[in-house]
Structure formats: C-alpha cells, structure tokens
Amino acid sequence: MTQVSRDYQTGDGAYVLVAAAKGPLKKVVSDKIFAADGKYGSYGAPADVRLAKSENRGDGDEVFEYTFVALTPAMREVARRVRARAIQVGGDDVFILVAGSTAARWRVAEPA
C-alpha cells in the first residue's frame, strides 16, 4: 500500500508505505524505500544510497535520513534527500512516512 502527495514544480513529495516487519528496522525501511520497483526506482535503481542520520525514538520507532541519486524520466541523475519515520505496529507491520526533495532544495529549506 502506498499513498503519495507531491509537488511537480519543486520536486517535494511525501508518501506512506506499509511493509512486513521482517528483520532489523533499518534494513526493512531502506529495502522498501529504495526497491527497484518503488517510487525512486521507476527509471532505474537509486544509486549512491547513504544513511546520513538515524535516531532511535523508542521501541519500534526510528527516524532515518538518506541521501541518494535517482533518475528522472529524461534519464538525468538528480541528487535527492529523504527523511523517513518508521513505526513498527503490533510486531507484524512497519508504517513508514517518507518525505523528501532534491538535495539542492533540501539545503535551502533546512533550518540553520
């Protein structure tokens, strides 16, 4: 299941994913977000995926921030950044809220 909201002019977007809680939360989240058949894999698998930050907020609640390169429909590489909050519910599922933008726009919008 996926719900998506995005702004085509700015490249900003947010969406919710649900994944089976199989394995460490960090692996479940990165595998789901960067899957070849996922949002960022539509035109080829994301490249240079790096975990920039992570924060454990309690049992089954973590925040991850990633940088990566995605391909556009015109096959141009675009540096992107996303923040994902993952909450494991009932031991069986992980709900993941993902919000992101281009790396350039992220730097402009990030608080000082």
PDB file of N, CA and C in Angstrom:
ATOM      1  N   MET A   1       0.841  -1.181   0.000  1.00  0.00           N
ATOM      2  CA  MET A   1       0.000   0.000   0.000  1.00  0.00           C
ATOM      3  C   MET A   1       0.883   1.240   0.000  1.00  0.00           C
ATOM      4  N   THR A   2       0.532   2.219  -0.825  1.00  0.00           N
ATOM      5  CA  THR A   2       1.269   3.473  -0.879  1.00  0.00           C
ATOM      6  C   THR A   2       0.298   4.626  -1.099  1.00  0.00           C
ATOM      7  N   GLN A   3       0.462   5.703  -0.352  1.00  0.00           N
ATOM      8  CA  GLN A   3      -0.269   6.957  -0.551  1.00  0.00           C
ATOM      9  C   GLN A   3       0.778   8.014  -0.847  1.00  0.00           C
ATOM     10  N   VAL A   4       0.607   8.780  -1.935  1.00  0.00           N
ATOM     11  CA  VAL A   4       1.626   9.740  -2.363  1.00  0.00           C
ATOM     12  C   VAL A   4       1.042  11.140  -2.518  1.00  0.00           C
ATOM     13  N   SER A   5       1.822  12.141  -2.089  1.00  0.00           N
ATOM     14  CA  SER A   5       1.495  13.541  -2.338  1.00  0.00           C
ATOM     15  C   SER A   5       2.784  14.202  -2.809  1.00  0.00           C
ATOM     16  N   ARG A   6       2.726  14.930  -3.929  1.00  0.00           N
ATOM     17  CA  ARG A   6       3.949  15.574  -4.399  1.00  0.00           C
ATOM     18  C   ARG A   6       3.663  16.873  -5.132  1.00  0.00           C
ATOM     19  N   ASP A   7       4.687  17.698  -5.201  1.00  0.00           N
ATOM     20  CA  ASP A   7       4.636  18.964  -5.909  1.00  0.00           C
ATOM     21  C   ASP A   7       5.561  18.833  -7.109  1.00  0.00           C
ATOM     22  N   TYR A   8       5.005  18.787  -8.306  1.00  0.00           N
ATOM     23  CA  TYR A   8       5.808  18.576  -9.508  1.00  0.00           C
ATOM     24  C   TYR A   8       6.743  19.746  -9.807  1.00  0.00           C
ATOM     25  N   GLN A   9       6.411  20.949  -9.354  1.00  0.00           N
ATOM     26  CA  GLN A   9       7.263  22.109  -9.633  1.00  0.00           C
ATOM     27  C   GLN A   9       8.528  22.111  -8.782  1.00  0.00           C
ATOM     28  N   THR A  10       8.413  21.701  -7.530  1.00  0.00           N
ATOM     29  CA  THR A  10       9.562  21.773  -6.624  1.00  0.00           C
ATOM     30  C   THR A  10      10.285  20.439  -6.444  1.00  0.00           C
ATOM     31  N   GLY A  11       9.616  19.343  -6.735  1.00  0.00           N
ATOM     32  CA  GLY A  11      10.205  18.033  -6.506  1.00  0.00           C
ATOM     33  C   GLY A  11       9.977  17.513  -5.104  1.00  0.00           C
ATOM     34  N   ASP A  12       9.279  18.288  -4.273  1.00  0.00           N
ATOM     35  CA  ASP A  12       8.963  17.846  -2.916  1.00  0.00           C
ATOM     36  C   ASP A  12       7.915  16.747  -2.972  1.00  0.00           C
ATOM     37  N   GLY A  13       7.987  15.828  -2.050  1.00  0.00           N
ATOM     38  CA  GLY A  13       6.981  14.780  -2.014  1.00  0.00           C
ATOM     39  C   GLY A  13       6.972  14.077  -0.679  1.00  0.00           C
ATOM     40  N   ALA A  14       5.841  13.451  -0.385  1.00  0.00           N
ATOM     41  CA  ALA A  14       5.704  12.664   0.834  1.00  0.00           C
ATOM     42  C   ALA A  14       4.797  11.485   0.524  1.00  0.00           C
ATOM     43  N   TYR A  15       5.060  10.388   1.175  1.00  0.00           N
ATOM     44  CA  TYR A  15       4.215   9.223   0.985  1.00  0.00           C
ATOM     45  C   TYR A  15       4.327   8.291   2.178  1.00  0.00           C
ATOM     46  N   VAL A  16       3.364   7.396   2.289  1.00  0.00           N
ATOM     47  CA  VAL A  16       3.317   6.414   3.366  1.00  0.00           C
ATOM     48  C   VAL A  16       3.428   5.020   2.760  1.00  0.00           C
ATOM     49  N   LEU A  17       4.260   4.202   3.357  1.00  0.00           N
ATOM     50  CA  LEU A  17       4.432   2.812   2.951  1.00  0.00           C
ATOM     51  C   LEU A  17       4.096   1.895   4.122  1.00  0.00           C
ATOM     52  N   VAL A  18       3.668   0.698   3.813  1.00  0.00           N
ATOM     53  CA  VAL A  18       3.491  -0.334   4.826  1.00  0.00           C
ATOM     54  C   VAL A  18       4.321  -1.525   4.382  1.00  0.00           C
ATOM     55  N   ALA A  19       5.123  -2.054   5.295  1.00  0.00           N
ATOM     56  CA  ALA A  19       5.995  -3.184   4.970  1.00  0.00           C
ATOM     57  C   ALA A  19       5.899  -4.233   6.069  1.00  0.00           C
ATOM     58  N   ALA A  20       6.153  -5.464   5.710  1.00  0.00           N
ATOM     59  CA  ALA A  20       6.220  -6.537   6.696  1.00  0.00           C
ATOM     60  C   ALA A  20       7.463  -6.330   7.556  1.00  0.00           C
ATOM     61  N   ALA A  21       7.318  -6.508   8.852  1.00  0.00           N
ATOM     62  CA  ALA A  21       8.424  -6.312   9.793  1.00  0.00           C
ATOM     63  C   ALA A  21       9.271  -7.575   9.862  1.00  0.00           C
ATOM     64  N   LYS A  22      10.113  -7.752   8.840  1.00  0.00           N
ATOM     65  CA  LYS A  22      10.976  -8.936   8.773  1.00  0.00           C
ATOM     66  C   LYS A  22      12.423  -8.480   8.799  1.00  0.00           C
ATOM     67  N   GLY A  23      13.067  -8.617   9.942  1.00  0.00           N
ATOM     68  CA  GLY A  23      14.462  -8.212  10.078  1.00  0.00           C
ATOM     69  C   GLY A  23      14.597  -6.884  10.800  1.00  0.00           C
ATOM     70  N   PRO A  24      15.843  -6.388  10.881  1.00  0.00           N
ATOM     71  CA  PRO A  24      16.094  -5.111  11.549  1.00  0.00           C
ATOM     72  C   PRO A  24      15.333  -3.970  10.859  1.00  0.00           C
ATOM     73  N   LEU A  25      14.825  -3.029  11.646  1.00  0.00           N
ATOM     74  CA  LEU A  25      14.020  -1.928  11.119  1.00  0.00           C
ATOM     75  C   LEU A  25      14.771  -1.127  10.059  1.00  0.00           C
ATOM     76  N   LYS A  26      16.057  -0.873  10.277  1.00  0.00           N
ATOM     77  CA  LYS A  26      16.855  -0.099   9.313  1.00  0.00           C
ATOM     78  C   LYS A  26      16.866  -0.783   7.939  1.00  0.00           C
ATOM     79  N   LYS A  27      17.012  -2.088   7.910  1.00  0.00           N
ATOM     80  CA  LYS A  27      17.036  -2.827   6.646  1.00  0.00           C
ATOM     81  C   LYS A  27      15.659  -2.854   5.990  1.00  0.00           C
ATOM     82  N   VAL A  28      14.621  -3.065   6.775  1.00  0.00           N
ATOM     83  CA  VAL A  28      13.252  -3.079   6.234  1.00  0.00           C
ATOM     84  C   VAL A  28      12.949  -1.747   5.565  1.00  0.00           C
ATOM     85  N   VAL A  29      13.290  -0.658   6.236  1.00  0.00           N
ATOM     86  CA  VAL A  29      13.000   0.689   5.713  1.00  0.00           C
ATOM     87  C   VAL A  29      13.795   0.965   4.437  1.00  0.00           C
ATOM     88  N   SER A  30      15.095   0.744   4.450  1.00  0.00           N
ATOM     89  CA  SER A  30      15.892   1.053   3.254  1.00  0.00           C
ATOM     90  C   SER A  30      15.514   0.152   2.083  1.00  0.00           C
ATOM     91  N   ASP A  31      15.254  -1.129   2.351  1.00  0.00           N
ATOM     92  CA  ASP A  31      14.842  -2.028   1.267  1.00  0.00           C
ATOM     93  C   ASP A  31      13.533  -1.585   0.640  1.00  0.00           C
ATOM     94  N   LYS A  32      12.597  -1.133   1.461  1.00  0.00           N
ATOM     95  CA  LYS A  32      11.281  -0.716   0.952  1.00  0.00           C
ATOM     96  C   LYS A  32      11.373   0.607   0.187  1.00  0.00           C
ATOM     97  N   ILE A  33      12.069   1.592   0.740  1.00  0.00           N
ATOM     98  CA  ILE A  33      12.161   2.909   0.098  1.00  0.00           C
ATOM     99  C   ILE A  33      12.924   2.833  -1.228  1.00  0.00           C
ATOM    100  N   PHE A  34      14.008   2.066  -1.256  1.00  0.00           N
ATOM    101  CA  PHE A  34      14.877   2.065  -2.426  1.00  0.00           C
ATOM    102  C   PHE A  34      14.721   0.823  -3.303  1.00  0.00           C
ATOM    103  N   ALA A  35      13.593   0.163  -3.207  1.00  0.00           N
ATOM    104  CA  ALA A  35      13.324  -1.003  -4.052  1.00  0.00           C
ATOM    105  C   ALA A  35      13.309  -0.590  -5.522  1.00  0.00           C
ATOM    106  N   ALA A  36      13.785  -1.482  -6.370  1.00  0.00           N
ATOM    107  CA  ALA A  36      13.836  -1.188  -7.811  1.00  0.00           C
ATOM    108  C   ALA A  36      12.455  -0.921  -8.385  1.00  0.00           C
ATOM    109  N   ASP A  37      11.413  -1.500  -7.791  1.00  0.00           N
ATOM    110  CA  ASP A  37      10.045  -1.262  -8.277  1.00  0.00           C
ATOM    111  C   ASP A  37       9.314  -0.204  -7.443  1.00  0.00           C
ATOM    112  N   GLY A  38      10.059   0.553  -6.632  1.00  0.00           N
ATOM    113  CA  GLY A  38       9.463   1.579  -5.788  1.00  0.00           C
ATOM    114  C   GLY A  38       9.445   2.949  -6.447  1.00  0.00           C
ATOM    115  N   LYS A  39       9.043   3.943  -5.687  1.00  0.00           N
ATOM    116  CA  LYS A  39       8.914   5.318  -6.181  1.00  0.00           C
ATOM    117  C   LYS A  39      10.209   5.836  -6.811  1.00  0.00           C
ATOM    118  N   TYR A  40      11.334   5.598  -6.170  1.00  0.00           N
ATOM    119  CA  TYR A  40      12.599   6.140  -6.675  1.00  0.00           C
ATOM    120  C   TYR A  40      13.288   5.204  -7.649  1.00  0.00           C
ATOM    121  N   GLY A  41      12.733   4.027  -7.885  1.00  0.00           N
ATOM    122  CA  GLY A  41      13.331   3.079  -8.806  1.00  0.00           C
ATOM    123  C   GLY A  41      12.618   2.989 -10.131  1.00  0.00           C
ATOM    124  N   SER A  42      11.688   3.892 -10.390  1.00  0.00           N
ATOM    125  CA  SER A  42      10.881   3.841 -11.619  1.00  0.00           C
ATOM    126  C   SER A  42      11.711   3.850 -12.889  1.00  0.00           C
ATOM    127  N   TYR A  43      12.844   4.550 -12.881  1.00  0.00           N
ATOM    128  CA  TYR A  43      13.657   4.686 -14.094  1.00  0.00           C
ATOM    129  C   TYR A  43      15.047   4.083 -13.908  1.00  0.00           C
ATOM    130  N   GLY A  44      15.166   3.214 -12.925  1.00  0.00           N
ATOM    131  CA  GLY A  44      16.435   2.569 -12.599  1.00  0.00           C
ATOM    132  C   GLY A  44      16.660   2.640 -11.105  1.00  0.00           C
ATOM    133  N   ALA A  45      17.353   1.671 -10.574  1.00  0.00           N
ATOM    134  CA  ALA A  45      17.581   1.613  -9.130  1.00  0.00           C
ATOM    135  C   ALA A  45      18.334   2.857  -8.651  1.00  0.00           C
ATOM    136  N   PRO A  46      17.955   3.403  -7.495  1.00  0.00           N
ATOM    137  CA  PRO A  46      18.684   4.548  -6.945  1.00  0.00           C
ATOM    138  C   PRO A  46      20.159   4.190  -6.725  1.00  0.00           C
ATOM    139  N   ALA A  47      21.019   5.168  -6.913  1.00  0.00           N
ATOM    140  CA  ALA A  47      22.465   4.956  -6.760  1.00  0.00           C
ATOM    141  C   ALA A  47      22.990   5.762  -5.574  1.00  0.00           C
ATOM    142  N   ASP A  48      24.150   5.393  -5.108  1.00  0.00           N
ATOM    143  CA  ASP A  48      24.845   6.103  -4.019  1.00  0.00           C
ATOM    144  C   ASP A  48      23.952   6.313  -2.801  1.00  0.00           C
ATOM    145  N   VAL A  49      23.174   5.323  -2.424  1.00  0.00           N
ATOM    146  CA  VAL A  49      22.293   5.427  -1.258  1.00  0.00           C
ATOM    147  C   VAL A  49      23.150   5.414  -0.001  1.00  0.00           C
ATOM    148  N   ARG A  50      22.980   6.439   0.820  1.00  0.00           N
ATOM    149  CA  ARG A  50      23.751   6.559   2.064  1.00  0.00           C
ATOM    150  C   ARG A  50      22.835   6.972   3.207  1.00  0.00           C
ATOM    151  N   LEU A  51      23.018   6.343   4.337  1.00  0.00           N
ATOM    152  CA  LEU A  51      22.307   6.729   5.548  1.00  0.00           C
ATOM    153  C   LEU A  51      23.047   7.909   6.160  1.00  0.00           C
ATOM    154  N   ALA A  52      22.425   9.082   6.158  1.00  0.00           N
ATOM    155  CA  ALA A  52      23.070  10.295   6.662  1.00  0.00           C
ATOM    156  C   ALA A  52      22.908  10.435   8.175  1.00  0.00           C
ATOM    157  N   LYS A  53      21.722  10.063   8.684  1.00  0.00           N
ATOM    158  CA  LYS A  53      21.430  10.180  10.117  1.00  0.00           C
ATOM    159  C   LYS A  53      20.424   9.111  10.498  1.00  0.00           C
ATOM    160  N   SER A  54      20.456   8.730  11.762  1.00  0.00           N
ATOM    161  CA  SER A  54      19.398   7.875  12.292  1.00  0.00           C
ATOM    162  C   SER A  54      19.179   8.235  13.754  1.00  0.00           C
ATOM    163  N   GLU A  55      17.956   8.054  14.191  1.00  0.00           N
ATOM    164  CA  GLU A  55      17.590   8.395  15.567  1.00  0.00           C
ATOM    165  C   GLU A  55      16.583   7.363  16.059  1.00  0.00           C
ATOM    166  N   ASN A  56      16.924   6.704  17.154  1.00  0.00           N
ATOM    167  CA  ASN A  56      16.011   5.757  17.776  1.00  0.00           C
ATOM    168  C   ASN A  56      15.135   6.530  18.761  1.00  0.00           C
ATOM    169  N   ARG A  57      13.831   6.494  18.540  1.00  0.00           N
ATOM    170  CA  ARG A  57      12.908   7.237  19.395  1.00  0.00           C
ATOM    171  C   ARG A  57      12.158   6.343  20.375  1.00  0.00           C
ATOM    172  N   GLY A  58      12.585   5.132  20.494  1.00  0.00           N
ATOM    173  CA  GLY A  58      11.923   4.214  21.412  1.00  0.00           C
ATOM    174  C   GLY A  58      11.684   2.886  20.730  1.00  0.00           C
ATOM    175  N   ASP A  59      10.997   2.022  21.408  1.00  0.00           N
ATOM    176  CA  ASP A  59      10.760   0.670  20.922  1.00  0.00           C
ATOM    177  C   ASP A  59       9.977   0.674  19.608  1.00  0.00           C
ATOM    178  N   GLY A  60      10.633   0.252  18.517  1.00  0.00           N
ATOM    179  CA  GLY A  60       9.964   0.160  17.225  1.00  0.00           C
ATOM    180  C   GLY A  60       9.654   1.492  16.571  1.00  0.00           C
ATOM    181  N   ASP A  61      10.357   2.557  16.948  1.00  0.00           N
ATOM    182  CA  ASP A  61      10.128   3.896  16.396  1.00  0.00           C
ATOM    183  C   ASP A  61      11.486   4.520  16.079  1.00  0.00           C
ATOM    184  N   GLU A  62      11.777   4.652  14.779  1.00  0.00           N
ATOM    185  CA  GLU A  62      13.065   5.211  14.370  1.00  0.00           C
ATOM    186  C   GLU A  62      12.898   6.192  13.220  1.00  0.00           C
ATOM    187  N   VAL A  63      13.839   7.150  13.142  1.00  0.00           N
ATOM    188  CA  VAL A  63      13.874   8.129  12.061  1.00  0.00           C
ATOM    189  C   VAL A  63      15.197   7.943  11.321  1.00  0.00           C
ATOM    190  N   PHE A  64      15.111   7.908   9.989  1.00  0.00           N
ATOM    191  CA  PHE A  64      16.292   7.737   9.141  1.00  0.00           C
ATOM    192  C   PHE A  64      16.332   8.867   8.117  1.00  0.00           C
ATOM    193  N   GLU A  65      17.530   9.334   7.814  1.00  0.00           N
ATOM    194  CA  GLU A  65      17.695  10.333   6.758  1.00  0.00           C
ATOM    195  C   GLU A  65      18.706   9.788   5.754  1.00  0.00           C
ATOM    196  N   TYR A  66      18.306   9.792   4.481  1.00  0.00           N
ATOM    197  CA  TYR A  66      19.131   9.213   3.418  1.00  0.00           C
ATOM    198  C   TYR A  66      19.447  10.242   2.344  1.00  0.00           C
ATOM    199  N   THR A  67      20.610  10.078   1.728  1.00  0.00           N
ATOM    200  CA  THR A  67      20.947  10.794   0.500  1.00  0.00           C
ATOM    201  C   THR A  67      21.115   9.730  -0.583  1.00  0.00           C
ATOM    202  N   PHE A  68      20.780  10.089  -1.822  1.00  0.00           N
ATOM    203  CA  PHE A  68      20.898   9.144  -2.929  1.00  0.00           C
ATOM    204  C   PHE A  68      20.757   9.886  -4.248  1.00  0.00           C
ATOM    205  N   VAL A  69      20.973   9.174  -5.335  1.00  0.00           N
ATOM    206  CA  VAL A  69      20.819   9.725  -6.676  1.00  0.00           C
ATOM    207  C   VAL A  69      19.733   8.915  -7.380  1.00  0.00           C
ATOM    208  N   ALA A  70      18.752   9.621  -7.939  1.00  0.00           N
ATOM    209  CA  ALA A  70      17.655   8.972  -8.672  1.00  0.00           C
ATOM    210  C   ALA A  70      17.660   9.453 -10.113  1.00  0.00           C
ATOM    211  N   LEU A  71      17.118   8.636 -10.983  1.00  0.00           N
ATOM    212  CA  LEU A  71      16.985   9.007 -12.386  1.00  0.00           C
ATOM    213  C   LEU A  71      15.609   9.622 -12.647  1.00  0.00           C
ATOM    214  N   THR A  72      15.580  10.663 -13.482  1.00  0.00           N
ATOM    215  CA  THR A  72      14.327  11.294 -13.885  1.00  0.00           C
ATOM    216  C   THR A  72      13.782  10.579 -15.126  1.00  0.00           C
ATOM    217  N   PRO A  73      12.543  10.913 -15.547  1.00  0.00           N
ATOM    218  CA  PRO A  73      12.027  10.323 -16.794  1.00  0.00           C
ATOM    219  C   PRO A  73      12.915  10.631 -18.004  1.00  0.00           C
ATOM    220  N   ALA A  74      13.646  11.752 -17.953  1.00  0.00           N
ATOM    221  CA  ALA A  74      14.567  12.105 -19.044  1.00  0.00           C
ATOM    222  C   ALA A  74      15.938  11.447 -18.864  1.00  0.00           C
ATOM    223  N   MET A  75      16.032  10.536 -17.878  1.00  0.00           N
ATOM    224  CA  MET A  75      17.257   9.792 -17.577  1.00  0.00           C
ATOM    225  C   MET A  75      18.407  10.675 -17.089  1.00  0.00           C
ATOM    226  N   ARG A  76      18.059  11.796 -16.441  1.00  0.00           N
ATOM    227  CA  ARG A  76      19.066  12.647 -15.802  1.00  0.00           C
ATOM    228  C   ARG A  76      19.205  12.215 -14.352  1.00  0.00           C
ATOM    229  N   GLU A  77      20.402  12.296 -13.824  1.00  0.00           N
ATOM    230  CA  GLU A  77      20.632  11.976 -12.418  1.00  0.00           C
ATOM    231  C   GLU A  77      20.319  13.192 -11.558  1.00  0.00           C
ATOM    232  N   VAL A  78      19.578  12.980 -10.478  1.00  0.00           N
ATOM    233  CA  VAL A  78      19.223  14.051  -9.559  1.00  0.00           C
ATOM    234  C   VAL A  78      19.552  13.597  -8.142  1.00  0.00           C
ATOM    235  N   ALA A  79      20.365  14.399  -7.441  1.00  0.00           N
ATOM    236  CA  ALA A  79      20.669  14.114  -6.040  1.00  0.00           C
ATOM    237  C   ALA A  79      19.432  14.434  -5.213  1.00  0.00           C
ATOM    238  N   ARG A  80      19.047  13.497  -4.350  1.00  0.00           N
ATOM    239  CA  ARG A  80      17.846  13.666  -3.534  1.00  0.00           C
ATOM    240  C   ARG A  80      18.164  13.369  -2.075  1.00  0.00           C
ATOM    241  N   ARG A  81      17.261  13.794  -1.226  1.00  0.00           N
ATOM    242  CA  ARG A  81      17.387  13.538   0.205  1.00  0.00           C
ATOM    243  C   ARG A  81      16.004  13.241   0.747  1.00  0.00           C
ATOM    244  N   VAL A  82      15.901  12.236   1.611  1.00  0.00           N
ATOM    245  CA  VAL A  82      14.620  11.907   2.232  1.00  0.00           C
ATOM    246  C   VAL A  82      14.813  11.674   3.722  1.00  0.00           C
ATOM    247  N   ARG A  83      13.753  11.936   4.456  1.00  0.00           N
ATOM    248  CA  ARG A  83      13.683  11.598   5.878  1.00  0.00           C
ATOM    249  C   ARG A  83      12.514  10.639   6.036  1.00  0.00           C
ATOM    250  N   ALA A  84      12.739   9.551   6.750  1.00  0.00           N
ATOM    251  CA  ALA A  84      11.708   8.530   6.924  1.00  0.00           C
ATOM    252  C   ALA A  84      11.525   8.225   8.404  1.00  0.00           C
ATOM    253  N   ARG A  85      10.281   8.219   8.836  1.00  0.00           N
ATOM    254  CA  ARG A  85       9.974   7.793  10.209  1.00  0.00           C
ATOM    255  C   ARG A  85       9.246   6.467  10.111  1.00  0.00           C
ATOM    256  N   ALA A  86       9.784   5.481  10.783  1.00  0.00           N
ATOM    257  CA  ALA A  86       9.232   4.133  10.743  1.00  0.00           C
ATOM    258  C   ALA A  86       8.741   3.742  12.134  1.00  0.00           C
ATOM    259  N   ILE A  87       7.516   3.254  12.179  1.00  0.00           N
ATOM    260  CA  ILE A  87       6.942   2.793  13.438  1.00  0.00           C
ATOM    261  C   ILE A  87       6.423   1.378  13.238  1.00  0.00           C
ATOM    262  N   GLN A  88       6.942   0.468  14.063  1.00  0.00           N
ATOM    263  CA  GLN A  88       6.504  -0.920  13.993  1.00  0.00           C
ATOM    264  C   GLN A  88       5.246  -1.064  14.833  1.00  0.00           C
ATOM    265  N   VAL A  89       4.207  -1.616  14.209  1.00  0.00           N
ATOM    266  CA  VAL A  89       2.905  -1.721  14.869  1.00  0.00           C
ATOM    267  C   VAL A  89       2.565  -3.188  15.082  1.00  0.00           C
ATOM    268  N   GLY A  90       2.373  -3.568  16.324  1.00  0.00           N
ATOM    269  CA  GLY A  90       1.923  -4.918  16.625  1.00  0.00           C
ATOM    270  C   GLY A  90       2.882  -6.023  16.246  1.00  0.00           C
ATOM    271  N   GLY A  91       4.126  -5.707  15.951  1.00  0.00           N
ATOM    272  CA  GLY A  91       5.106  -6.729  15.633  1.00  0.00           C
ATOM    273  C   GLY A  91       5.062  -7.261  14.214  1.00  0.00           C
ATOM    274  N   ASP A  92       3.984  -7.019  13.469  1.00  0.00           N
ATOM    275  CA  ASP A  92       3.843  -7.592  12.138  1.00  0.00           C
ATOM    276  C   ASP A  92       4.121  -6.622  10.999  1.00  0.00           C
ATOM    277  N   ASP A  93       3.809  -5.348  11.192  1.00  0.00           N
ATOM    278  CA  ASP A  93       3.921  -4.365  10.116  1.00  0.00           C
ATOM    279  C   ASP A  93       4.706  -3.148  10.559  1.00  0.00           C
ATOM    280  N   VAL A  94       5.309  -2.490   9.562  1.00  0.00           N
ATOM    281  CA  VAL A  94       6.015  -1.234   9.779  1.00  0.00           C
ATOM    282  C   VAL A  94       5.351  -0.182   8.899  1.00  0.00           C
ATOM    283  N   PHE A  95       4.927   0.923   9.508  1.00  0.00           N
ATOM    284  CA  PHE A  95       4.386   2.055   8.768  1.00  0.00           C
ATOM    285  C   PHE A  95       5.515   3.058   8.611  1.00  0.00           C
ATOM    286  N   ILE A  96       5.740   3.502   7.369  1.00  0.00           N
ATOM    287  CA  ILE A  96       6.875   4.367   7.069  1.00  0.00           C
ATOM    288  C   ILE A  96       6.373   5.645   6.389  1.00  0.00           C
ATOM    289  N   LEU A  97       6.584   6.791   7.035  1.00  0.00           N
ATOM    290  CA  LEU A  97       6.280   8.087   6.435  1.00  0.00           C
ATOM    291  C   LEU A  97       7.580   8.606   5.835  1.00  0.00           C
ATOM    292  N   VAL A  98       7.586   8.850   4.527  1.00  0.00           N
ATOM    293  CA  VAL A  98       8.778   9.303   3.816  1.00  0.00           C
ATOM    294  C   VAL A  98       8.507  10.689   3.239  1.00  0.00           C
ATOM    295  N   ALA A  99       9.401  11.638   3.498  1.00  0.00           N
ATOM    296  CA  ALA A  99       9.285  12.980   2.928  1.00  0.00           C
ATOM    297  C   ALA A  99      10.644  13.353   2.354  1.00  0.00           C
ATOM    298  N   GLY A 100      10.641  13.949   1.160  1.00  0.00           N
ATOM    299  CA  GLY A 100      11.918  14.283   0.561  1.00  0.00           C
ATOM    300  C   GLY A 100      11.824  15.315  -0.540  1.00  0.00           C
ATOM    301  N   SER A 101      12.998  15.654  -1.054  1.00  0.00           N
ATOM    302  CA  SER A 101      13.109  16.639  -2.116  1.00  0.00           C
ATOM    303  C   SER A 101      14.472  16.479  -2.777  1.00  0.00           C
ATOM    304  N   THR A 102      14.738  17.365  -3.721  1.00  0.00           N
ATOM    305  CA  THR A 102      16.073  17.373  -4.307  1.00  0.00           C
ATOM    306  C   THR A 102      17.054  17.836  -3.233  1.00  0.00           C
ATOM    307  N   ALA A 103      18.298  17.426  -3.349  1.00  0.00           N
ATOM    308  CA  ALA A 103      19.300  17.805  -2.355  1.00  0.00           C
ATOM    309  C   ALA A 103      19.484  19.324  -2.305  1.00  0.00           C
ATOM    310  N   ALA A 104      19.425  19.988  -3.465  1.00  0.00           N
ATOM    311  CA  ALA A 104      19.588  21.447  -3.510  1.00  0.00           C
ATOM    312  C   ALA A 104      18.448  22.143  -2.769  1.00  0.00           C
ATOM    313  N   ARG A 105      17.235  21.712  -2.993  1.00  0.00           N
ATOM    314  CA  ARG A 105      16.086  22.317  -2.316  1.00  0.00           C
ATOM    315  C   ARG A 105      16.118  22.008  -0.821  1.00  0.00           C
ATOM    316  N   TRP A 106      16.579  20.840  -0.456  1.00  0.00           N
ATOM    317  CA  TRP A 106      16.665  20.446   0.949  1.00  0.00           C
ATOM    318  C   TRP A 106      17.574  21.398   1.711  1.00  0.00           C
ATOM    319  N   ARG A 107      18.734  21.728   1.098  1.00  0.00           N
ATOM    320  CA  ARG A 107      19.674  22.647   1.757  1.00  0.00           C
ATOM    321  C   ARG A 107      19.046  24.017   1.992  1.00  0.00           C
ATOM    322  N   VAL A 108      18.245  24.499   1.039  1.00  0.00           N
ATOM    323  CA  VAL A 108      17.605  25.804   1.162  1.00  0.00           C
ATOM    324  C   VAL A 108      16.552  25.794   2.264  1.00  0.00           C
ATOM    325  N   ALA A 109      15.810  24.689   2.373  1.00  0.00           N
ATOM    326  CA  ALA A 109      14.697  24.611   3.320  1.00  0.00           C
ATOM    327  C   ALA A 109      15.116  24.190   4.720  1.00  0.00           C
ATOM    328  N   GLU A 110      16.306  23.608   4.869  1.00  0.00           N
ATOM    329  CA  GLU A 110      16.741  23.096   6.159  1.00  0.00           C
ATOM    330  C   GLU A 110      17.010  24.246   7.127  1.00  0.00           C
ATOM    331  N   PRO A 111      16.489  24.125   8.368  1.00  0.00           N
ATOM    332  CA  PRO A 111      16.737  25.196   9.349  1.00  0.00           C
ATOM    333  C   PRO A 111      18.227  25.318   9.672  1.00  0.00           C
ATOM    334  N   ALA A 112      18.676  26.524   9.943  1.00  0.00           N
ATOM    335  CA  ALA A 112      20.091  26.769  10.249  1.00  0.00           C
ATOM    336  C   ALA A 112      20.441  26.307  11.638  1.00  0.00           C
TER     337      ALA A 112
END
